[in-house]
């Protein structure tokens, strides 16, 4: 992390503080860009893309393409306080709007997110289109209400595939969602247990064919920094995002609502599960562009920061 990157904690409501990293961009009028992380990532997951996005001229680009980059820690994650009541992606989207508009004073902004960040970013585009100009995500950030049209054969096949994946790989979400306190005792008591719980996901959600404990190009320093954020802050409140709502309530978007701002979905070949068909995504996003990355998995900010930054920059230049 370089000298221009600044950490702050600001009161977001009723004494609750939100942590964020900010770097002012190059150029005459850098556009504000909010970037949201997920689990088991943290703000650390996005540190490597801040400089290329804020200062593209340092990487062979044009300074006028620079963004002022803001990377908050989700409530209950890292150095952001937890909420007194169960929170949801919709609540977090409201927090992030407040940060960008009321605290930092922007009139409007762009938004990117992965994992939980994709869900939050989708909610920003859905609920706050008056200030959010366009979004960029790496996962479909919601489940459309399917009570309207009949499912296509491809959609039915994908639902079956997704259910199979959840039965094989979704134990972490079921446990964190149904018994968060139980798992928190062990993860709060043992740094080795916490590291194993988190790093297993970086291992299996990147390149599953790799024989290395840490698949390239992930770096031990980045992964241990990420684990340390959870060790210092605790994992209990991060679990609460899983337990605060059922799977349907967490992701569902009613049939009569769609994200109307321009949306870019960038898919990575080694992500945690197979993405849904395009028709499924288009039920959620009215103005959708889909791209396919040549390499990378669930944590592109750490795995392929240059590729991610280039796609974000190119998309928002057009959007």
Protein backbone atom coordinates (compact mmCIF):
# COMPACT_ATOMS: atom_id res chain seq x y z
CA UNK A 1 0.00 0.00 0.00
CA UNK A 2 1.42 3.37 -0.99
CA UNK A 3 1.57 6.73 0.72
CA UNK A 4 -1.50 8.29 -0.92
CA UNK A 5 -3.85 5.61 0.45
CA UNK A 6 -5.55 6.83 3.61
CA UNK A 7 -7.56 4.96 6.24
CA UNK A 8 -10.46 6.61 8.05
CA UNK A 9 -13.26 5.69 10.43
CA UNK A 10 -16.37 7.84 10.32
CA UNK A 11 -19.57 7.80 12.33
CA UNK A 12 -22.23 6.53 9.96
CA UNK A 13 -25.20 6.53 12.35
CA UNK A 14 -25.93 6.52 16.10
CA UNK A 15 -22.28 6.19 17.10
CA UNK A 16 -21.57 3.32 14.70
CA UNK A 17 -18.32 3.82 12.80
CA UNK A 18 -17.49 2.71 9.29
CA UNK A 19 -13.91 2.09 8.19
CA UNK A 20 -12.87 2.98 4.67
CA UNK A 21 -9.76 3.36 2.56
CA UNK A 22 -9.63 6.27 0.12
CA UNK A 23 -7.19 7.42 -2.54
CA UNK A 24 -7.72 10.58 -4.55
CA UNK A 25 -7.37 9.96 -8.26
CA UNK A 26 -5.23 11.63 -10.88
CA UNK A 27 -6.56 13.83 -13.63
CA UNK A 28 -8.65 16.96 -13.69
CA UNK A 29 -11.91 15.32 -12.55
CA UNK A 30 -11.50 11.78 -11.20
CA UNK A 31 -14.80 9.93 -10.93
CA UNK A 32 -15.67 8.50 -7.50
CA UNK A 33 -15.64 4.69 -7.39
CA UNK A 34 -16.91 2.63 -4.45
CA UNK A 35 -15.52 -0.91 -4.22
CA UNK A 36 -17.13 -3.55 -1.98
CA UNK A 37 -15.48 -6.76 -0.79
CA UNK A 38 -17.07 -10.02 0.38
CA UNK A 39 -16.35 -13.05 2.58
CA UNK A 40 -13.81 -14.36 3.42
CA UNK A 41 -12.13 -11.32 1.93
CA UNK A 42 -11.76 -7.86 3.41
CA UNK A 43 -10.57 -4.44 2.26
CA UNK A 44 -7.17 -6.16 1.87
CA UNK A 45 -8.63 -8.04 -1.10
CA UNK A 46 -8.84 -4.80 -3.11
CA UNK A 47 -5.67 -2.96 -2.12
CA UNK A 48 -3.75 -3.99 -5.24
CA UNK A 49 -6.29 -2.44 -7.62
CA UNK A 50 -6.43 0.96 -5.92
CA UNK A 51 -3.28 2.46 -7.45
CA UNK A 52 -3.94 1.26 -11.04
CA UNK A 53 -7.45 2.69 -10.86
CA UNK A 54 -6.52 5.94 -9.13
CA UNK A 55 -3.33 6.60 -11.12
CA UNK A 56 -3.45 4.82 -14.51
CA UNK A 57 -0.64 7.02 -15.84
CA UNK A 58 1.78 5.08 -13.62
CA UNK A 59 0.89 1.93 -15.55
CA UNK A 60 1.03 3.27 -19.09
CA UNK A 61 -2.47 4.74 -19.13
CA UNK A 62 -4.02 8.20 -19.17
CA UNK A 63 -4.24 10.22 -15.95
CA UNK A 64 -7.65 11.50 -17.05
CA UNK A 65 -9.00 7.96 -16.59
CA UNK A 66 -8.22 8.06 -12.88
CA UNK A 67 -10.84 7.36 -10.21
CA UNK A 68 -11.04 8.49 -6.62
CA UNK A 69 -11.26 5.03 -5.08
CA UNK A 70 -13.16 4.32 -1.86
CA UNK A 71 -12.97 0.84 -0.29
CA UNK A 72 -15.08 0.47 2.87
CA UNK A 73 -15.06 -2.47 5.24
CA UNK A 74 -18.51 -4.03 5.43
CA UNK A 75 -20.28 -3.40 8.77
CA UNK A 76 -19.01 -6.01 11.22
CA UNK A 77 -15.97 -6.75 9.07
CA UNK A 78 -12.45 -5.50 9.68
CA UNK A 79 -12.42 -2.14 11.40
CA UNK A 80 -16.09 -1.26 10.77
CA UNK A 81 -18.35 -1.50 13.81
CA UNK A 82 -21.08 -4.10 13.83
CA UNK A 83 -24.71 -3.09 13.77
CA UNK A 84 -26.95 -3.32 16.83
CA UNK A 85 -29.56 -5.15 14.74
CA UNK A 86 -29.23 -7.82 12.04
CA UNK A 87 -28.09 -6.24 8.80
CA UNK A 88 -28.71 -7.06 5.15
CA UNK A 89 -27.14 -6.09 1.81
CA UNK A 90 -29.92 -3.52 1.41
CA UNK A 91 -28.97 -1.91 4.74
CA UNK A 92 -25.29 -1.91 3.78
CA UNK A 93 -26.07 -0.30 0.43
CA UNK A 94 -27.77 2.51 2.36
CA UNK A 95 -24.69 2.86 4.58
CA UNK A 96 -22.46 3.11 1.53
CA UNK A 97 -24.68 5.71 -0.09
CA UNK A 98 -24.48 7.73 3.11
CA UNK A 99 -20.69 7.41 3.10
CA UNK A 100 -20.30 8.53 -0.50
CA UNK A 101 -22.94 11.29 -0.62
CA UNK A 102 -23.34 12.63 2.92
CA UNK A 103 -19.85 12.06 4.34
CA UNK A 104 -17.54 12.39 1.34
CA UNK A 105 -19.74 14.87 -0.51
CA UNK A 106 -19.95 13.28 -3.95
CA UNK A 107 -23.02 14.03 -6.07
CA UNK A 108 -22.93 10.60 -7.68
CA UNK A 109 -20.61 7.60 -7.93
CA UNK A 110 -19.79 4.32 -9.66
CA UNK A 111 -19.75 0.97 -7.83
CA UNK A 112 -17.93 -2.36 -8.09
CA UNK A 113 -18.27 -5.48 -5.98
CA UNK A 114 -17.48 -9.17 -5.73
CA UNK A 115 -19.05 -11.91 -3.57
CA UNK A 116 -21.18 -10.10 -0.96
CA UNK A 117 -19.98 -6.96 -2.69
CA UNK A 118 -21.81 -8.08 -5.85
CA UNK A 119 -25.03 -8.34 -3.86
CA UNK A 120 -24.49 -4.96 -2.21
CA UNK A 121 -23.54 -3.34 -5.53
CA UNK A 122 -26.66 -4.78 -7.14
CA UNK A 123 -28.72 -3.25 -4.34
CA UNK A 124 -26.98 0.08 -4.90
CA UNK A 125 -28.03 -0.03 -8.54
CA UNK A 126 -31.54 -1.14 -7.62
CA UNK A 127 -32.29 1.16 -4.69
CA UNK A 128 -30.04 4.16 -5.36
CA UNK A 129 -30.10 4.74 -9.10
CA UNK A 130 -30.49 8.46 -8.45
CA UNK A 131 -26.82 8.65 -7.37
CA UNK A 132 -25.26 5.43 -8.74
CA UNK A 133 -24.38 5.90 -12.41
CA UNK A 134 -23.28 2.36 -13.30
CA UNK A 135 -22.16 -0.87 -11.64
CA UNK A 136 -19.52 -3.56 -12.20
CA UNK A 137 -19.83 -6.99 -10.54
CA UNK A 138 -18.15 -10.39 -10.66
CA UNK A 139 -21.21 -12.45 -9.63
CA UNK A 140 -24.93 -12.18 -10.25
CA UNK A 141 -25.91 -10.28 -7.13
CA UNK A 142 -29.41 -11.56 -6.55
CA UNK A 143 -32.10 -14.10 -7.25
CA UNK A 144 -34.96 -12.91 -9.46
CA UNK A 145 -38.48 -13.70 -8.35
CA UNK A 146 -39.38 -16.65 -10.56
CA UNK A 147 -43.14 -16.53 -10.01
CA UNK A 148 -43.54 -14.71 -13.31
CA UNK A 149 -42.40 -16.46 -16.51
CA UNK A 150 -41.67 -20.14 -16.74
CA UNK A 151 -38.08 -21.23 -16.31
CA UNK A 152 -36.12 -22.07 -19.44
CA UNK A 153 -34.46 -25.51 -19.75
CA UNK A 154 -31.05 -23.87 -19.23
CA UNK A 155 -32.27 -22.16 -16.06
CA UNK A 156 -33.70 -25.40 -14.66
CA UNK A 157 -30.42 -27.19 -15.41
CA UNK A 158 -28.43 -24.43 -13.71
CA UNK A 159 -30.62 -24.55 -10.59
CA UNK A 160 -29.91 -28.29 -10.30
CA UNK A 161 -26.18 -27.66 -10.72
CA UNK A 162 -26.23 -24.89 -8.16
CA UNK A 163 -28.04 -27.08 -5.62
CA UNK A 164 -25.45 -29.81 -6.12
CA UNK A 165 -22.66 -27.29 -5.52
CA UNK A 166 -24.33 -26.05 -2.33
CA UNK A 167 -24.66 -29.61 -1.03
CA UNK A 168 -20.94 -30.22 -1.60
CA UNK A 169 -19.38 -26.82 -0.88
CA UNK A 170 -21.99 -24.79 0.99
CA UNK A 171 -21.49 -26.18 4.50
CA UNK A 172 -19.68 -23.01 5.58
CA UNK A 173 -22.68 -20.84 4.67
CA UNK A 174 -25.17 -23.19 6.33
CA UNK A 175 -23.15 -23.24 9.53
CA UNK A 176 -22.43 -19.51 9.59
CA UNK A 177 -26.06 -18.84 8.79
CA UNK A 178 -27.72 -21.25 11.23
CA UNK A 179 -25.18 -21.66 14.06
CA UNK A 180 -22.91 -18.60 13.88
CA UNK A 181 -22.20 -18.46 17.61
CA UNK A 182 -21.09 -22.08 17.75
CA UNK A 183 -18.48 -21.76 15.02
CA UNK A 184 -17.37 -18.38 16.36
CA UNK A 185 -16.11 -19.87 19.63
CA UNK A 186 -13.54 -22.02 17.88
CA UNK A 187 -12.57 -19.39 15.31
CA UNK A 188 -12.12 -16.75 18.00
CA UNK A 189 -10.04 -19.03 20.21
CA UNK A 190 -7.66 -20.52 17.65
CA UNK A 191 -5.64 -18.54 15.10
CA UNK A 192 -4.83 -21.78 13.30
CA UNK A 193 -8.52 -22.69 13.15
CA UNK A 194 -9.38 -19.24 11.82
CA UNK A 195 -6.64 -19.40 9.20
CA UNK A 196 -7.78 -22.86 8.06
CA UNK A 197 -11.43 -21.76 7.87
CA UNK A 198 -10.55 -18.76 5.69
CA UNK A 199 -7.63 -20.03 3.61
CA UNK A 200 -9.47 -23.17 2.51
CA UNK A 201 -11.75 -20.89 0.51
CA UNK A 202 -8.84 -19.09 -1.14
CA UNK A 203 -7.49 -22.52 -2.01
CA UNK A 204 -10.67 -24.02 -3.47
CA UNK A 205 -12.21 -20.90 -5.04
CA UNK A 206 -9.21 -20.01 -7.19
CA UNK A 207 -7.49 -22.75 -9.22
CA UNK A 208 -8.80 -26.16 -8.06
CA UNK A 209 -6.22 -27.99 -10.17
CA UNK A 210 -3.24 -26.39 -8.43
CA UNK A 211 -1.13 -28.67 -6.25
CA UNK A 212 0.20 -25.75 -4.22
CA UNK A 213 -1.27 -24.88 -0.82
CA UNK A 214 -1.54 -21.30 -2.05
CA UNK A 215 -2.28 -21.34 -5.79
CA UNK A 216 -0.35 -18.84 -7.86
CA UNK A 217 -0.55 -15.89 -8.18
CA UNK A 218 -1.86 -15.51 -4.63
CA UNK A 219 0.77 -14.40 -2.11
CA UNK A 220 1.15 -15.56 1.48
CA UNK A 221 1.58 -11.99 2.72
CA UNK A 222 -1.77 -10.92 1.27
CA UNK A 223 -3.57 -13.96 2.64
CA UNK A 224 -2.09 -13.63 6.11
CA UNK A 225 -2.89 -9.91 6.17
CA UNK A 226 -6.48 -10.81 5.35
CA UNK A 227 -6.60 -13.45 8.11
CA UNK A 228 -5.07 -10.97 10.56
CA UNK A 229 -7.90 -8.50 9.90
CA UNK A 230 -10.38 -11.19 11.02
CA UNK A 231 -8.20 -12.19 13.98
CA UNK A 232 -8.00 -8.61 15.26
CA UNK A 233 -11.63 -7.73 14.64
CA UNK A 234 -13.24 -11.12 15.25
CA UNK A 235 -15.37 -13.20 12.91
CA UNK A 236 -18.64 -13.31 14.87
CA UNK A 237 -20.10 -10.15 13.39
CA UNK A 238 -19.02 -11.17 9.89
CA UNK A 239 -21.02 -14.37 10.36
CA UNK A 240 -24.09 -12.32 11.20
CA UNK A 241 -24.52 -11.31 7.57
CA UNK A 242 -25.21 -14.97 6.79
CA UNK A 243 -27.56 -15.42 9.72
CA UNK A 244 -29.50 -12.18 9.37
CA UNK A 245 -31.72 -13.42 6.56
CA UNK A 246 -32.67 -16.61 4.75
CA UNK A 247 -31.16 -17.35 1.37
CA UNK A 248 -34.28 -16.20 -0.46
CA UNK A 249 -34.72 -12.99 1.48
CA UNK A 250 -31.07 -12.17 1.21
CA UNK A 251 -30.91 -12.26 -2.56
CA UNK A 252 -34.48 -12.03 -3.84
CA UNK A 253 -35.56 -9.20 -6.11
CA UNK A 254 -39.27 -8.97 -6.85
CA UNK A 255 -40.38 -9.65 -10.40
CA UNK A 256 -41.56 -6.09 -11.06
CA UNK A 257 -38.16 -4.55 -10.24
CA UNK A 258 -34.89 -4.54 -12.19
CA UNK A 259 -31.57 -2.77 -11.99
CA UNK A 260 -31.87 -0.06 -14.62
CA UNK A 261 -28.41 1.50 -14.44
CA UNK A 262 -25.78 0.07 -16.85
CA UNK A 263 -24.34 -3.15 -15.39
CA UNK A 264 -21.24 -5.12 -16.29
CA UNK A 265 -20.83 -8.74 -15.16
CA UNK A 266 -17.24 -9.99 -15.48
CA UNK A 267 -17.02 -13.77 -15.08
CA UNK A 268 -13.85 -15.61 -14.04
CA UNK A 269 -13.17 -19.22 -15.10
CA UNK A 270 -12.07 -20.49 -11.68
CA UNK A 271 -14.81 -18.86 -9.61
CA UNK A 272 -16.51 -20.83 -6.85
CA UNK A 273 -19.44 -22.11 -8.93
CA UNK A 274 -20.96 -22.10 -12.40
CA UNK A 275 -22.65 -18.79 -13.26
CA UNK A 276 -26.35 -18.76 -14.15
CA UNK A 277 -27.52 -18.48 -17.77
CA UNK A 278 -27.63 -15.06 -19.34
CA UNK A 279 -31.44 -15.12 -19.33
CA UNK A 280 -31.39 -15.45 -15.54
CA UNK A 281 -29.08 -12.46 -15.15
CA UNK A 282 -31.15 -10.40 -17.58
CA UNK A 283 -34.18 -10.85 -15.34
CA UNK A 284 -32.28 -8.73 -12.80
CA UNK A 285 -30.30 -6.28 -14.94
CA UNK A 286 -32.09 -4.36 -17.66
CA UNK A 287 -28.92 -3.01 -19.29
CA UNK A 288 -26.44 -5.84 -18.91
CA UNK A 289 -23.07 -6.49 -20.53
CA UNK A 290 -21.30 -9.79 -19.77
CA UNK A 291 -17.56 -10.34 -20.14
CA UNK A 292 -15.43 -13.44 -19.70
CA UNK A 293 -12.00 -13.07 -18.12
CA UNK A 294 -9.21 -15.25 -19.51
CA UNK A 295 -8.00 -16.33 -16.06
CA UNK A 296 -8.69 -15.87 -12.37
CA UNK A 297 -11.09 -17.05 -9.71
CA UNK A 298 -13.22 -15.70 -6.89
CA UNK A 299 -10.69 -13.15 -5.65
CA UNK A 300 -9.59 -11.26 -8.78
CA UNK A 301 -8.37 -8.24 -6.80
CA UNK A 302 -5.62 -10.48 -5.42
CA UNK A 303 -5.27 -12.95 -8.29
CA UNK A 304 -5.53 -10.68 -11.35
CA UNK A 305 -5.51 -7.04 -10.20
CA UNK A 306 -4.34 -5.63 -13.54
CA UNK A 307 -6.98 -7.55 -15.49
CA UNK A 308 -9.72 -6.47 -13.06
CA UNK A 309 -8.62 -2.83 -13.05
CA UNK A 310 -8.50 -2.71 -16.86
CA UNK A 311 -11.99 -4.13 -17.20
CA UNK A 312 -13.41 -1.74 -14.58
CA UNK A 313 -11.73 1.25 -16.25
CA UNK A 314 -12.86 0.28 -19.75
CA UNK A 315 -16.44 -0.39 -18.65
CA UNK A 316 -16.92 2.84 -16.75
CA UNK A 317 -15.34 4.80 -19.59
CA UNK A 318 -18.19 3.56 -21.81
CA UNK A 319 -21.04 3.45 -19.27
